[in-house]
Amino acid sequence: MSLIHTVILWAHSFIHKGYSYKVDVNDAALGAAADISIYFKMPNTTARIHCIYQGYASDAATFEILEASTVTANTGAALVIYNRDRNSTNKSVVFNNATVPLVNSAMKDVTITADGTQIHHELFSDKKLAGMTRDENEFILKKNTNYVYRITSRAAGAQAVQLTLNWYEEGV
C-alpha cells in the first residue's frame, strides 16, 4: 500500500480554510485623467492581511497603492467582498469608510483629500499590470491603517480598466 500526500501552498491553504477574499472594480470607458479605486481599512487586531493585486488597462495608466490616505467618510460605492471558498460563511475583517464602519466592506471610488504614503507606483500601457505574483507583489498590510489601490488613466480618450485585489487573512 502506498501513501499519497497532497501538498498545497501556504497562501492557497487559506482558500480551503475560508479566509481568502476577492474584490474588483472595472470601467469600460474610463476618461482621461480619471481613476478607479478600491478602499478598505485594516482592523486594529492581530489579524494579518496578505494582499496581492492585478490590473488591466487598454491604454496608458498609472497604478498606486496608497497607505493612510485621508478619505472623506461615507463617500464612494459599496463593493461586494467574495469569500473564495464559496461554501464558507466566514467574513473579511476589513471595513469601509462609513461614519460607523461596516466590517466585511470595501468601497470603490472614495473621495481622497490627501494621498498619504505612496508605497507602490507603477506605469503600464495596453497590458496587464504586474500583480498576482505573491513573491514580488504581496503586501502584508498594517493594522489600523487604510489603503487605497488606484488606477489612473493617462490616455487621451476613454479606455477600459480593471483592478482586482485578492487577499488572505491570517490570525483571525
C-alpha atoms as a PDB file:
ATOM      1  CA  MET A   1       0.000   0.000   0.000  1.00  0.00           C
ATOM      2  CA  SER A   2       1.384   3.415  -0.910  1.00  0.00           C
ATOM      3  CA  LEU A   3       0.597   6.665   0.787  1.00  0.00           C
ATOM      4  CA  ILE A   4      -0.245   9.692  -1.289  1.00  0.00           C
ATOM      5  CA  HIS A   5       0.161  13.150   0.207  1.00  0.00           C
ATOM      6  CA  THR A   6      -1.306  16.268  -1.275  1.00  0.00           C
ATOM      7  CA  VAL A   7       0.692  19.426  -0.758  1.00  0.00           C
ATOM      8  CA  ILE A   8      -0.673  22.924  -1.347  1.00  0.00           C
ATOM      9  CA  LEU A   9       0.998  26.280  -0.918  1.00  0.00           C
ATOM     10  CA  TRP A  10       0.542  28.126   2.388  1.00  0.00           C
ATOM     11  CA  ALA A  11      -1.364  31.035   0.808  1.00  0.00           C
ATOM     12  CA  HIS A  12      -3.603  28.632  -1.105  1.00  0.00           C
ATOM     13  CA  SER A  13      -4.478  26.811   2.120  1.00  0.00           C
ATOM     14  CA  PHE A  14      -6.363  29.913   3.276  1.00  0.00           C
ATOM     15  CA  ILE A  15      -8.864  29.416   0.453  1.00  0.00           C
ATOM     16  CA  HIS A  16      -9.608  25.953   1.853  1.00  0.00           C
ATOM     17  CA  LYS A  17      -9.848  27.370   5.390  1.00  0.00           C
ATOM     18  CA  GLY A  18     -12.361  30.004   4.211  1.00  0.00           C
ATOM     19  CA  TYR A  19     -10.129  33.038   4.930  1.00  0.00           C
ATOM     20  CA  SER A  20      -9.327  34.190   1.397  1.00  0.00           C
ATOM     21  CA  TYR A  21     -11.220  37.039  -0.263  1.00  0.00           C
ATOM     22  CA  LYS A  22     -11.569  38.901  -3.563  1.00  0.00           C
ATOM     23  CA  VAL A  23     -12.931  42.245  -4.714  1.00  0.00           C
ATOM     24  CA  ASP A  24     -12.730  44.039  -8.069  1.00  0.00           C
ATOM     25  CA  VAL A  25     -13.759  47.149  -9.971  1.00  0.00           C
ATOM     26  CA  ASN A  26     -13.797  47.993 -13.654  1.00  0.00           C
ATOM     27  CA  ASP A  27     -14.786  50.741 -16.041  1.00  0.00           C
ATOM     28  CA  ALA A  28     -15.341  50.093 -19.753  1.00  0.00           C
ATOM     29  CA  ALA A  29     -14.805  53.765 -20.676  1.00  0.00           C
ATOM     30  CA  LEU A  30     -12.613  55.493 -18.063  1.00  0.00           C
ATOM     31  CA  GLY A  31     -11.974  59.063 -19.177  1.00  0.00           C
ATOM     32  CA  ALA A  32      -8.655  60.883 -19.495  1.00  0.00           C
ATOM     33  CA  ALA A  33      -7.048  61.585 -16.068  1.00  0.00           C
ATOM     34  CA  ALA A  34      -9.946  59.793 -14.314  1.00  0.00           C
ATOM     35  CA  ASP A  35      -9.371  56.945 -11.893  1.00  0.00           C
ATOM     36  CA  ILE A  36     -10.907  53.873 -10.319  1.00  0.00           C
ATOM     37  CA  SER A  37     -10.003  52.780  -6.811  1.00  0.00           C
ATOM     38  CA  ILE A  38     -10.623  50.270  -4.045  1.00  0.00           C
ATOM     39  CA  TYR A  39     -10.566  51.372  -0.390  1.00  0.00           C
ATOM     40  CA  PHE A  40     -10.645  49.440   2.852  1.00  0.00           C
ATOM     41  CA  LYS A  41      -9.275  49.771   6.361  1.00  0.00           C
ATOM     42  CA  MET A  42      -7.476  47.168   8.433  1.00  0.00           C
ATOM     43  CA  PRO A  43      -8.787  46.256  11.872  1.00  0.00           C
ATOM     44  CA  ASN A  44      -6.792  47.169  14.972  1.00  0.00           C
ATOM     45  CA  THR A  45      -6.211  43.493  15.804  1.00  0.00           C
ATOM     46  CA  THR A  46      -3.503  40.881  15.348  1.00  0.00           C
ATOM     47  CA  ALA A  47      -5.036  39.797  12.015  1.00  0.00           C
ATOM     48  CA  ARG A  48      -2.549  39.962   9.148  1.00  0.00           C
ATOM     49  CA  ILE A  49      -3.888  40.789   5.693  1.00  0.00           C
ATOM     50  CA  HIS A  50      -1.697  39.437   2.850  1.00  0.00           C
ATOM     51  CA  CYS A  51      -2.826  41.286  -0.295  1.00  0.00           C
ATOM     52  CA  ILE A  52      -1.925  40.960  -3.968  1.00  0.00           C
ATOM     53  CA  TYR A  53      -3.299  42.953  -6.911  1.00  0.00           C
ATOM     54  CA  GLN A  54      -3.926  42.616 -10.613  1.00  0.00           C
ATOM     55  CA  GLY A  55      -4.923  45.249 -13.138  1.00  0.00           C
ATOM     56  CA  TYR A  56      -5.523  45.813 -16.830  1.00  0.00           C
ATOM     57  CA  ALA A  57      -5.739  48.907 -18.990  1.00  0.00           C
ATOM     58  CA  SER A  58      -6.336  49.194 -22.719  1.00  0.00           C
ATOM     59  CA  ASP A  59      -4.047  52.250 -22.904  1.00  0.00           C
ATOM     60  CA  ALA A  60      -1.563  54.173 -20.715  1.00  0.00           C
ATOM     61  CA  ALA A  61      -2.292  54.169 -16.971  1.00  0.00           C
ATOM     62  CA  THR A  62      -0.706  54.574 -13.535  1.00  0.00           C
ATOM     63  CA  PHE A  63      -1.201  52.175 -10.631  1.00  0.00           C
ATOM     64  CA  GLU A  64      -0.615  53.174  -6.996  1.00  0.00           C
ATOM     65  CA  ILE A  65      -1.013  51.728  -3.535  1.00  0.00           C
ATOM     66  CA  LEU A  66      -1.673  54.481  -1.005  1.00  0.00           C
ATOM     67  CA  GLU A  67      -1.306  53.919   2.738  1.00  0.00           C
ATOM     68  CA  ALA A  68      -3.021  56.051   5.405  1.00  0.00           C
ATOM     69  CA  SER A  69      -4.833  58.295   2.919  1.00  0.00           C
ATOM     70  CA  THR A  70      -7.215  60.942   4.167  1.00  0.00           C
ATOM     71  CA  VAL A  71     -10.620  59.880   2.880  1.00  0.00           C
ATOM     72  CA  THR A  72     -13.976  61.606   3.238  1.00  0.00           C
ATOM     73  CA  ALA A  73     -16.375  59.461   5.283  1.00  0.00           C
ATOM     74  CA  ASN A  74     -19.407  57.985   3.562  1.00  0.00           C
ATOM     75  CA  THR A  75     -18.107  58.547   0.011  1.00  0.00           C
ATOM     76  CA  GLY A  76     -17.790  56.016  -2.779  1.00  0.00           C
ATOM     77  CA  ALA A  77     -19.909  52.978  -3.533  1.00  0.00           C
ATOM     78  CA  ALA A  78     -20.005  49.673  -1.677  1.00  0.00           C
ATOM     79  CA  LEU A  79     -18.234  46.671  -3.170  1.00  0.00           C
ATOM     80  CA  VAL A  80     -19.080  43.051  -2.526  1.00  0.00           C
ATOM     81  CA  ILE A  81     -16.249  41.105  -0.917  1.00  0.00           C
ATOM     82  CA  TYR A  82     -16.345  37.487  -2.066  1.00  0.00           C
ATOM     83  CA  ASN A  83     -15.044  34.639   0.063  1.00  0.00           C
ATOM     84  CA  ARG A  84     -13.044  32.487  -2.344  1.00  0.00           C
ATOM     85  CA  ASP A  85     -14.379  29.336  -0.663  1.00  0.00           C
ATOM     86  CA  ARG A  86     -17.964  29.683  -1.789  1.00  0.00           C
ATOM     87  CA  ASN A  87     -19.066  27.173   0.876  1.00  0.00           C
ATOM     88  CA  SER A  88     -17.631  29.228   3.754  1.00  0.00           C
ATOM     89  CA  THR A  89     -19.665  31.666   5.821  1.00  0.00           C
ATOM     90  CA  ASN A  90     -16.538  33.489   7.088  1.00  0.00           C
ATOM     91  CA  LYS A  91     -16.481  37.252   6.557  1.00  0.00           C
ATOM     92  CA  SER A  92     -13.497  39.507   5.965  1.00  0.00           C
ATOM     93  CA  VAL A  93     -12.251  41.661   8.844  1.00  0.00           C
ATOM     94  CA  VAL A  94     -11.618  44.761   6.657  1.00  0.00           C
ATOM     95  CA  PHE A  95     -14.072  47.638   6.852  1.00  0.00           C
ATOM     96  CA  ASN A  96     -15.294  50.682   4.926  1.00  0.00           C
ATOM     97  CA  ASN A  97     -15.159  54.463   5.376  1.00  0.00           C
ATOM     98  CA  ALA A  98     -18.621  54.925   6.877  1.00  0.00           C
ATOM     99  CA  THR A  99     -19.111  57.116   9.941  1.00  0.00           C
ATOM    100  CA  VAL A 100     -19.961  53.846  11.692  1.00  0.00           C
ATOM    101  CA  PRO A 101     -17.664  51.468   9.766  1.00  0.00           C
ATOM    102  CA  LEU A 102     -19.125  48.238   8.440  1.00  0.00           C
ATOM    103  CA  VAL A 103     -16.975  45.092   8.676  1.00  0.00           C
ATOM    104  CA  ASN A 104     -16.612  42.901   5.571  1.00  0.00           C
ATOM    105  CA  SER A 105     -16.965  46.001   3.437  1.00  0.00           C
ATOM    106  CA  ALA A 106     -14.795  47.712   0.827  1.00  0.00           C
ATOM    107  CA  MET A 107     -15.577  50.819  -1.200  1.00  0.00           C
ATOM    108  CA  LYS A 108     -14.880  51.945  -4.733  1.00  0.00           C
ATOM    109  CA  ASP A 109     -14.041  55.464  -5.819  1.00  0.00           C
ATOM    110  CA  VAL A 110     -13.956  57.154  -2.398  1.00  0.00           C
ATOM    111  CA  THR A 111     -13.127  60.872  -2.144  1.00  0.00           C
ATOM    112  CA  ILE A 112      -9.439  61.209  -1.296  1.00  0.00           C
ATOM    113  CA  THR A 113      -8.357  64.569   0.162  1.00  0.00           C
ATOM    114  CA  ALA A 114      -4.725  63.555   0.851  1.00  0.00           C
ATOM    115  CA  ASP A 115      -2.916  60.596  -0.711  1.00  0.00           C
ATOM    116  CA  GLY A 116      -0.962  59.557   2.387  1.00  0.00           C
ATOM    117  CA  THR A 117       2.135  57.447   1.708  1.00  0.00           C
ATOM    118  CA  GLN A 118       2.547  56.022  -1.770  1.00  0.00           C
ATOM    119  CA  ILE A 119       4.030  52.569  -1.061  1.00  0.00           C
ATOM    120  CA  HIS A 120       3.909  51.391  -4.677  1.00  0.00           C
ATOM    121  CA  HIS A 121       3.792  53.139  -8.054  1.00  0.00           C
ATOM    122  CA  GLU A 122       3.794  51.579 -11.498  1.00  0.00           C
ATOM    123  CA  LEU A 123       3.229  52.833 -15.050  1.00  0.00           C
ATOM    124  CA  PHE A 124       1.726  50.478 -17.586  1.00  0.00           C
ATOM    125  CA  SER A 125       0.144  50.604 -21.023  1.00  0.00           C
ATOM    126  CA  ASP A 126      -2.093  48.349 -23.089  1.00  0.00           C
ATOM    127  CA  LYS A 127      -1.309  45.347 -20.938  1.00  0.00           C
ATOM    128  CA  LYS A 128      -1.760  43.525 -17.695  1.00  0.00           C
ATOM    129  CA  LEU A 129      -0.386  45.229 -14.617  1.00  0.00           C
ATOM    130  CA  ALA A 130       2.259  43.057 -12.949  1.00  0.00           C
ATOM    131  CA  GLY A 131       0.388  41.917  -9.847  1.00  0.00           C
ATOM    132  CA  MET A 132      -0.868  38.492  -8.798  1.00  0.00           C
ATOM    133  CA  THR A 133       2.608  37.072  -8.224  1.00  0.00           C
ATOM    134  CA  ARG A 134       2.795  36.673  -4.483  1.00  0.00           C
ATOM    135  CA  ASP A 135       6.600  36.611  -4.192  1.00  0.00           C
ATOM    136  CA  GLU A 136       7.090  40.077  -5.663  1.00  0.00           C
ATOM    137  CA  ASN A 137       3.776  41.883  -5.206  1.00  0.00           C
ATOM    138  CA  GLU A 138       2.310  40.819  -1.879  1.00  0.00           C
ATOM    139  CA  PHE A 139       1.988  43.407   0.853  1.00  0.00           C
ATOM    140  CA  ILE A 140       1.205  42.492   4.456  1.00  0.00           C
ATOM    141  CA  LEU A 141      -0.977  45.429   5.397  1.00  0.00           C
ATOM    142  CA  LYS A 142      -0.504  47.453   8.567  1.00  0.00           C
ATOM    143  CA  LYS A 143      -3.134  47.147  11.298  1.00  0.00           C
ATOM    144  CA  ASN A 144      -5.497  50.061  11.955  1.00  0.00           C
ATOM    145  CA  THR A 145      -4.499  51.650   8.630  1.00  0.00           C
ATOM    146  CA  ASN A 146      -6.485  52.362   5.486  1.00  0.00           C
ATOM    147  CA  TYR A 147      -5.412  51.543   1.945  1.00  0.00           C
ATOM    148  CA  VAL A 148      -6.391  52.800  -1.483  1.00  0.00           C
ATOM    149  CA  TYR A 149      -5.463  50.829  -4.593  1.00  0.00           C
ATOM    150  CA  ARG A 150      -5.868  53.176  -7.561  1.00  0.00           C
ATOM    151  CA  ILE A 151      -5.532  53.100 -11.358  1.00  0.00           C
ATOM    152  CA  THR A 152      -5.459  56.477 -13.104  1.00  0.00           C
ATOM    153  CA  SER A 153      -5.918  56.785 -16.869  1.00  0.00           C
ATOM    154  CA  ARG A 154      -3.111  58.500 -18.783  1.00  0.00           C
ATOM    155  CA  ALA A 155      -4.818  58.033 -22.139  1.00  0.00           C
ATOM    156  CA  ALA A 156      -6.139  60.914 -24.246  1.00  0.00           C
ATOM    157  CA  GLY A 157      -9.561  59.285 -24.567  1.00  0.00           C
ATOM    158  CA  ALA A 158     -11.689  56.689 -22.837  1.00  0.00           C
ATOM    159  CA  GLN A 159     -10.229  53.281 -22.081  1.00  0.00           C
ATOM    160  CA  ALA A 160     -11.188  50.010 -20.410  1.00  0.00           C
ATOM    161  CA  VAL A 161      -9.614  49.289 -17.000  1.00  0.00           C
ATOM    162  CA  GLN A 162      -9.908  46.539 -14.393  1.00  0.00           C
ATOM    163  CA  LEU A 163      -8.497  46.272 -10.841  1.00  0.00           C
ATOM    164  CA  THR A 164      -8.685  43.109  -8.720  1.00  0.00           C
ATOM    165  CA  LEU A 165      -7.471  42.516  -5.157  1.00  0.00           C
ATOM    166  CA  ASN A 166      -7.022  39.068  -3.631  1.00  0.00           C
ATOM    167  CA  TRP A 167      -6.046  38.591  -0.007  1.00  0.00           C
ATOM    168  CA  TYR A 168      -5.996  36.106   2.802  1.00  0.00           C
ATOM    169  CA  GLU A 169      -6.409  36.814   6.477  1.00  0.00           C
ATOM    170  CA  GLU A 170      -4.043  35.180   8.929  1.00  0.00           C
ATOM    171  CA  GLY A 171      -4.622  35.159  12.674  1.00  0.00           C
ATOM    172  CA  VAL A 172      -8.366  35.908  12.659  1.00  0.00           C
END
